[in-house]
Amino acid sequence: MTDTSTPSAEETTAATAESTGTEETKKSESVASDSDLFRQSEIAADYVEGLLDILDYDGDIDELVSGGRPMVEVVGGRLQPLVGQRGATLEALQELTRLAIFRATGSPSRLLLDIGGYRATRR
């Protein structure tokens, strides 16, 4: 048989409280998500800075969050070898940086690494 009874006031209140709690949870997750993304960009910037020091390259590192993705931009002269042919070296450095973020946070990252404005000019 099908239950055709109407929900009691208590059931309606409980259902409303559950949906409100779900909405608040989503809002707090998005706020936490922004801070997580910024933390990922900080980890990436530290990692890239270490690589630049090892390779003896100079560059200014900017970390930001754009379009729901952590981004790190390296700006400076003499950075073309870090981009490589058709961006191959840049892609490899981006993957290494993503692995460093994964190792530090335990969650995968959608980091976008840009060196010498290569990706910005390709858009």
N, C-alpha and C. Protein backbone atom coordinates (compact mmCIF):
# COMPACT_ATOMS: atom_id res chain seq x y z
N MET A 1 0.83 -1.18 0.00
CA MET A 1 0.00 0.00 0.00
C MET A 1 0.87 1.24 0.00
N THR A 2 0.33 2.28 -0.54
CA THR A 2 1.04 3.55 -0.59
C THR A 2 0.62 4.42 0.57
N ASP A 3 1.61 5.05 1.20
CA ASP A 3 1.32 5.94 2.32
C ASP A 3 0.89 7.29 1.78
N THR A 4 -0.36 7.65 2.01
CA THR A 4 -0.88 8.93 1.50
C THR A 4 -1.07 9.95 2.60
N SER A 5 -0.58 9.64 3.79
CA SER A 5 -0.76 10.58 4.89
C SER A 5 0.14 11.80 4.70
N THR A 6 -0.28 12.90 5.24
CA THR A 6 0.52 14.12 5.16
C THR A 6 1.52 14.13 6.30
N PRO A 7 2.70 14.69 6.08
CA PRO A 7 3.70 14.69 7.14
C PRO A 7 3.27 15.59 8.30
N SER A 8 3.63 15.17 9.49
CA SER A 8 3.29 15.96 10.66
C SER A 8 4.17 17.21 10.71
N ALA A 9 3.83 18.13 11.59
CA ALA A 9 4.59 19.37 11.73
C ALA A 9 6.03 19.07 12.15
N GLU A 10 6.20 18.07 13.01
CA GLU A 10 7.55 17.71 13.47
C GLU A 10 8.40 17.20 12.31
N GLU A 11 7.81 16.36 11.45
CA GLU A 11 8.54 15.82 10.30
C GLU A 11 8.92 16.94 9.33
N THR A 12 8.02 17.88 9.11
CA THR A 12 8.29 19.00 8.22
C THR A 12 9.42 19.86 8.77
N THR A 13 9.39 20.14 10.07
CA THR A 13 10.44 20.94 10.71
C THR A 13 11.78 20.24 10.62
N ALA A 14 11.80 18.93 10.84
CA ALA A 14 13.04 18.17 10.77
C ALA A 14 13.61 18.19 9.35
N ALA A 15 12.75 18.04 8.35
CA ALA A 15 13.21 18.06 6.96
C ALA A 15 13.76 19.43 6.60
N THR A 16 13.11 20.49 7.06
CA THR A 16 13.59 21.85 6.79
C THR A 16 14.94 22.08 7.45
N ALA A 17 15.10 21.61 8.67
CA ALA A 17 16.37 21.77 9.39
C ALA A 17 17.49 21.03 8.67
N GLU A 18 17.18 19.85 8.14
CA GLU A 18 18.20 19.09 7.40
C GLU A 18 18.63 19.83 6.15
N SER A 19 17.68 20.37 5.40
CA SER A 19 18.04 21.07 4.16
C SER A 19 18.79 22.35 4.47
N THR A 20 18.44 23.06 5.53
CA THR A 20 19.17 24.27 5.91
C THR A 20 20.58 23.91 6.34
N GLY A 21 20.73 22.83 7.09
CA GLY A 21 22.06 22.39 7.50
C GLY A 21 22.92 22.02 6.31
N THR A 22 22.31 21.42 5.30
CA THR A 22 23.04 21.05 4.09
C THR A 22 23.52 22.30 3.36
N GLU A 23 22.66 23.32 3.26
CA GLU A 23 23.05 24.56 2.60
C GLU A 23 24.19 25.24 3.34
N GLU A 24 24.13 25.26 4.68
CA GLU A 24 25.19 25.87 5.47
C GLU A 24 26.49 25.10 5.30
N THR A 25 26.41 23.78 5.22
CA THR A 25 27.60 22.97 5.02
C THR A 25 28.24 23.28 3.68
N LYS A 26 27.42 23.42 2.63
CA LYS A 26 27.96 23.75 1.30
C LYS A 26 28.66 25.10 1.33
N LYS A 27 28.07 26.09 2.02
CA LYS A 27 28.69 27.41 2.10
C LYS A 27 30.02 27.33 2.83
N SER A 28 30.07 26.59 3.94
CA SER A 28 31.33 26.49 4.68
C SER A 28 32.37 25.71 3.90
N GLU A 29 31.93 24.72 3.09
CA GLU A 29 32.87 23.99 2.25
C GLU A 29 33.48 24.89 1.19
N SER A 30 32.68 25.79 0.61
CA SER A 30 33.21 26.68 -0.41
C SER A 30 34.19 27.67 0.19
N VAL A 31 33.94 28.14 1.41
CA VAL A 31 34.88 29.02 2.08
C VAL A 31 36.16 28.26 2.39
N ALA A 32 36.03 27.05 2.91
CA ALA A 32 37.20 26.23 3.19
C ALA A 32 37.92 25.90 1.90
N SER A 33 37.18 25.72 0.84
CA SER A 33 37.77 25.40 -0.44
C SER A 33 38.67 26.53 -0.92
N ASP A 34 38.23 27.78 -0.78
CA ASP A 34 39.06 28.92 -1.18
C ASP A 34 40.35 28.97 -0.38
N SER A 35 40.26 28.72 0.92
CA SER A 35 41.47 28.73 1.73
C SER A 35 42.37 27.55 1.37
N ASP A 36 41.77 26.41 1.04
CA ASP A 36 42.56 25.26 0.60
C ASP A 36 43.28 25.56 -0.71
N LEU A 37 42.59 26.22 -1.62
CA LEU A 37 43.21 26.57 -2.90
C LEU A 37 44.37 27.53 -2.70
N PHE A 38 44.18 28.51 -1.82
CA PHE A 38 45.27 29.45 -1.57
C PHE A 38 46.44 28.74 -0.90
N ARG A 39 46.15 27.80 -0.01
CA ARG A 39 47.22 27.02 0.63
C ARG A 39 47.97 26.21 -0.41
N GLN A 40 47.25 25.63 -1.38
CA GLN A 40 47.90 24.89 -2.46
C GLN A 40 48.81 25.80 -3.27
N SER A 41 48.37 27.03 -3.54
CA SER A 41 49.22 27.94 -4.30
C SER A 41 50.45 28.34 -3.50
N GLU A 42 50.33 28.45 -2.18
CA GLU A 42 51.49 28.75 -1.34
C GLU A 42 52.49 27.60 -1.36
N ILE A 43 52.00 26.38 -1.25
CA ILE A 43 52.87 25.21 -1.29
C ILE A 43 53.59 25.14 -2.63
N ALA A 44 52.85 25.39 -3.70
CA ALA A 44 53.43 25.36 -5.05
C ALA A 44 54.48 26.44 -5.21
N ALA A 45 54.21 27.64 -4.70
CA ALA A 45 55.17 28.74 -4.81
C ALA A 45 56.46 28.40 -4.07
N ASP A 46 56.35 27.81 -2.89
CA ASP A 46 57.54 27.41 -2.15
C ASP A 46 58.33 26.35 -2.91
N TYR A 47 57.63 25.40 -3.50
CA TYR A 47 58.29 24.33 -4.26
C TYR A 47 59.01 24.90 -5.48
N VAL A 48 58.33 25.76 -6.23
CA VAL A 48 58.93 26.35 -7.43
C VAL A 48 60.11 27.23 -7.05
N GLU A 49 59.99 27.96 -5.94
CA GLU A 49 61.10 28.79 -5.49
C GLU A 49 62.33 27.93 -5.18
N GLY A 50 62.11 26.79 -4.57
CA GLY A 50 63.21 25.86 -4.31
C GLY A 50 63.86 25.37 -5.59
N LEU A 51 63.03 25.05 -6.59
CA LEU A 51 63.57 24.61 -7.88
C LEU A 51 64.39 25.72 -8.54
N LEU A 52 63.87 26.95 -8.50
CA LEU A 52 64.59 28.07 -9.10
C LEU A 52 65.93 28.29 -8.40
N ASP A 53 65.97 28.13 -7.08
CA ASP A 53 67.22 28.27 -6.35
C ASP A 53 68.22 27.20 -6.75
N ILE A 54 67.76 25.96 -6.86
CA ILE A 54 68.64 24.86 -7.25
C ILE A 54 69.20 25.08 -8.65
N LEU A 55 68.35 25.54 -9.56
CA LEU A 55 68.75 25.75 -10.95
C LEU A 55 69.46 27.09 -11.17
N ASP A 56 69.51 27.92 -10.13
CA ASP A 56 70.14 29.24 -10.18
C ASP A 56 69.48 30.15 -11.21
N TYR A 57 68.15 30.17 -11.19
CA TYR A 57 67.35 31.07 -12.02
C TYR A 57 66.74 32.13 -11.12
N ASP A 58 66.61 33.33 -11.66
CA ASP A 58 65.95 34.41 -10.93
C ASP A 58 64.56 34.62 -11.50
N GLY A 59 63.61 34.82 -10.62
CA GLY A 59 62.25 35.09 -11.06
C GLY A 59 61.38 35.50 -9.89
N ASP A 60 60.41 36.34 -10.18
CA ASP A 60 59.43 36.73 -9.17
C ASP A 60 58.26 35.75 -9.25
N ILE A 61 57.82 35.30 -8.08
CA ILE A 61 56.76 34.30 -8.02
C ILE A 61 55.50 34.93 -7.45
N ASP A 62 54.41 34.83 -8.21
CA ASP A 62 53.11 35.32 -7.76
C ASP A 62 52.20 34.12 -7.55
N GLU A 63 51.55 34.08 -6.40
CA GLU A 63 50.61 33.00 -6.11
C GLU A 63 49.21 33.59 -5.99
N LEU A 64 48.25 32.93 -6.61
CA LEU A 64 46.88 33.43 -6.59
C LEU A 64 45.91 32.29 -6.85
N VAL A 65 44.64 32.61 -6.69
CA VAL A 65 43.57 31.67 -7.00
C VAL A 65 42.69 32.35 -8.04
N SER A 66 42.49 31.68 -9.17
CA SER A 66 41.70 32.26 -10.25
C SER A 66 40.85 31.17 -10.89
N GLY A 67 39.59 31.46 -11.04
CA GLY A 67 38.69 30.50 -11.67
C GLY A 67 38.57 29.20 -10.90
N GLY A 68 38.68 29.26 -9.58
CA GLY A 68 38.58 28.06 -8.77
C GLY A 68 39.80 27.15 -8.85
N ARG A 69 40.93 27.71 -9.32
CA ARG A 69 42.16 26.92 -9.43
C ARG A 69 43.31 27.70 -8.79
N PRO A 70 44.19 26.99 -8.09
CA PRO A 70 45.39 27.67 -7.61
C PRO A 70 46.32 27.93 -8.79
N MET A 71 46.96 29.10 -8.79
CA MET A 71 47.86 29.45 -9.87
C MET A 71 49.17 29.98 -9.30
N VAL A 72 50.25 29.68 -10.00
CA VAL A 72 51.56 30.24 -9.68
C VAL A 72 52.15 30.76 -10.97
N GLU A 73 52.56 32.03 -10.94
CA GLU A 73 53.17 32.64 -12.11
C GLU A 73 54.59 33.02 -11.76
N VAL A 74 55.52 32.66 -12.63
CA VAL A 74 56.93 33.02 -12.46
C VAL A 74 57.27 34.00 -13.57
N VAL A 75 57.76 35.17 -13.17
CA VAL A 75 58.07 36.23 -14.12
C VAL A 75 59.53 36.61 -13.94
N GLY A 76 60.23 36.76 -15.05
CA GLY A 76 61.62 37.18 -15.00
C GLY A 76 62.29 36.94 -16.33
N GLY A 77 63.54 37.32 -16.41
CA GLY A 77 64.30 37.11 -17.63
C GLY A 77 64.95 35.74 -17.63
N ARG A 78 65.32 35.28 -18.81
CA ARG A 78 66.07 34.04 -18.96
C ARG A 78 65.31 32.81 -18.44
N LEU A 79 64.02 32.78 -18.64
CA LEU A 79 63.21 31.66 -18.17
C LEU A 79 62.79 30.70 -19.28
N GLN A 80 63.13 31.01 -20.53
CA GLN A 80 62.72 30.18 -21.66
C GLN A 80 63.11 28.71 -21.51
N PRO A 81 64.30 28.39 -20.99
CA PRO A 81 64.62 26.96 -20.82
C PRO A 81 63.66 26.22 -19.89
N LEU A 82 63.01 26.95 -18.97
CA LEU A 82 62.05 26.31 -18.08
C LEU A 82 60.70 26.07 -18.76
N VAL A 83 60.47 26.73 -19.88
CA VAL A 83 59.25 26.51 -20.66
C VAL A 83 59.46 25.34 -21.60
N GLY A 84 60.61 25.32 -22.26
CA GLY A 84 60.93 24.23 -23.17
C GLY A 84 60.21 24.34 -24.49
N GLN A 85 60.48 23.35 -25.34
CA GLN A 85 59.88 23.34 -26.66
C GLN A 85 58.39 23.03 -26.55
N ARG A 86 57.57 23.95 -27.05
CA ARG A 86 56.10 23.85 -27.01
C ARG A 86 55.56 23.64 -25.59
N GLY A 87 56.28 24.14 -24.60
CA GLY A 87 55.81 24.06 -23.22
C GLY A 87 56.00 22.72 -22.55
N ALA A 88 56.81 21.85 -23.13
CA ALA A 88 56.98 20.50 -22.58
C ALA A 88 57.61 20.53 -21.19
N THR A 89 58.64 21.34 -21.01
CA THR A 89 59.29 21.43 -19.70
C THR A 89 58.35 22.06 -18.68
N LEU A 90 57.61 23.05 -19.11
CA LEU A 90 56.62 23.69 -18.24
C LEU A 90 55.58 22.67 -17.76
N GLU A 91 55.11 21.83 -18.66
CA GLU A 91 54.14 20.78 -18.29
C GLU A 91 54.73 19.83 -17.25
N ALA A 92 56.00 19.45 -17.45
CA ALA A 92 56.65 18.55 -16.51
C ALA A 92 56.81 19.21 -15.14
N LEU A 93 57.20 20.48 -15.12
CA LEU A 93 57.34 21.20 -13.86
C LEU A 93 55.99 21.35 -13.16
N GLN A 94 54.95 21.56 -13.94
CA GLN A 94 53.60 21.66 -13.37
C GLN A 94 53.21 20.35 -12.71
N GLU A 95 53.48 19.23 -13.35
CA GLU A 95 53.14 17.92 -12.77
C GLU A 95 53.95 17.66 -11.50
N LEU A 96 55.24 18.00 -11.51
CA LEU A 96 56.05 17.83 -10.30
C LEU A 96 55.51 18.68 -9.16
N THR A 97 55.10 19.89 -9.49
CA THR A 97 54.55 20.79 -8.47
C THR A 97 53.23 20.26 -7.94
N ARG A 98 52.40 19.70 -8.81
CA ARG A 98 51.15 19.09 -8.36
C ARG A 98 51.42 17.91 -7.43
N LEU A 99 52.45 17.14 -7.73
CA LEU A 99 52.82 16.02 -6.86
C LEU A 99 53.28 16.52 -5.49
N ALA A 100 54.02 17.63 -5.47
CA ALA A 100 54.46 18.22 -4.20
C ALA A 100 53.25 18.66 -3.37
N ILE A 101 52.26 19.23 -4.02
CA ILE A 101 51.03 19.64 -3.33
C ILE A 101 50.31 18.41 -2.79
N PHE A 102 50.21 17.37 -3.60
CA PHE A 102 49.55 16.14 -3.17
C PHE A 102 50.26 15.54 -1.96
N ARG A 103 51.57 15.54 -2.00
CA ARG A 103 52.34 15.00 -0.88
C ARG A 103 52.10 15.80 0.40
N ALA A 104 51.97 17.12 0.27
CA ALA A 104 51.79 17.97 1.44
C ALA A 104 50.36 17.96 1.98
N THR A 105 49.37 17.86 1.08
CA THR A 105 47.97 17.98 1.51
C THR A 105 47.20 16.67 1.51
N GLY A 106 47.64 15.72 0.71
CA GLY A 106 46.92 14.46 0.60
C GLY A 106 45.75 14.51 -0.37
N SER A 107 45.58 15.64 -1.05
CA SER A 107 44.50 15.74 -2.03
C SER A 107 45.06 16.25 -3.36
N PRO A 108 44.49 15.79 -4.47
CA PRO A 108 44.99 16.22 -5.78
C PRO A 108 44.72 17.71 -6.02
N SER A 109 45.51 18.29 -6.89
CA SER A 109 45.40 19.71 -7.17
C SER A 109 45.20 19.95 -8.66
N ARG A 110 44.54 21.05 -8.98
CA ARG A 110 44.38 21.48 -10.37
C ARG A 110 45.25 22.70 -10.64
N LEU A 111 46.41 22.73 -10.02
CA LEU A 111 47.32 23.87 -10.14
C LEU A 111 47.63 24.20 -11.59
N LEU A 112 47.70 25.49 -11.87
CA LEU A 112 48.12 25.98 -13.17
C LEU A 112 49.41 26.75 -12.95
N LEU A 113 50.50 26.29 -13.57
CA LEU A 113 51.80 26.94 -13.47
C LEU A 113 52.08 27.68 -14.77
N ASP A 114 52.48 28.93 -14.64
CA ASP A 114 52.83 29.74 -15.81
C ASP A 114 54.22 30.31 -15.60
N ILE A 115 55.08 30.10 -16.57
CA ILE A 115 56.45 30.61 -16.48
C ILE A 115 56.69 31.55 -17.65
N GLY A 116 57.15 32.75 -17.32
CA GLY A 116 57.47 33.72 -18.35
C GLY A 116 56.28 34.16 -19.18
N GLY A 117 55.07 34.00 -18.66
CA GLY A 117 53.88 34.41 -19.38
C GLY A 117 53.53 33.51 -20.56
N TYR A 118 54.12 32.31 -20.61
CA TYR A 118 53.88 31.40 -21.73
C TYR A 118 52.40 31.06 -21.88
N ARG A 119 51.76 30.64 -20.80
CA ARG A 119 50.35 30.25 -20.88
C ARG A 119 49.45 31.47 -21.13
N ALA A 120 49.81 32.60 -20.54
CA ALA A 120 49.00 33.80 -20.73
C ALA A 120 48.98 34.22 -22.19
N THR A 121 50.09 34.08 -22.89
CA THR A 121 50.14 34.46 -24.31
C THR A 121 49.45 33.43 -25.19
N ARG A 122 49.33 32.20 -24.73
CA ARG A 122 48.70 31.14 -25.52
C ARG A 122 47.18 31.21 -25.45
N ARG A 123 46.62 31.94 -24.50
CA ARG A 123 45.16 32.02 -24.34
C ARG A 123 44.56 32.96 -25.31
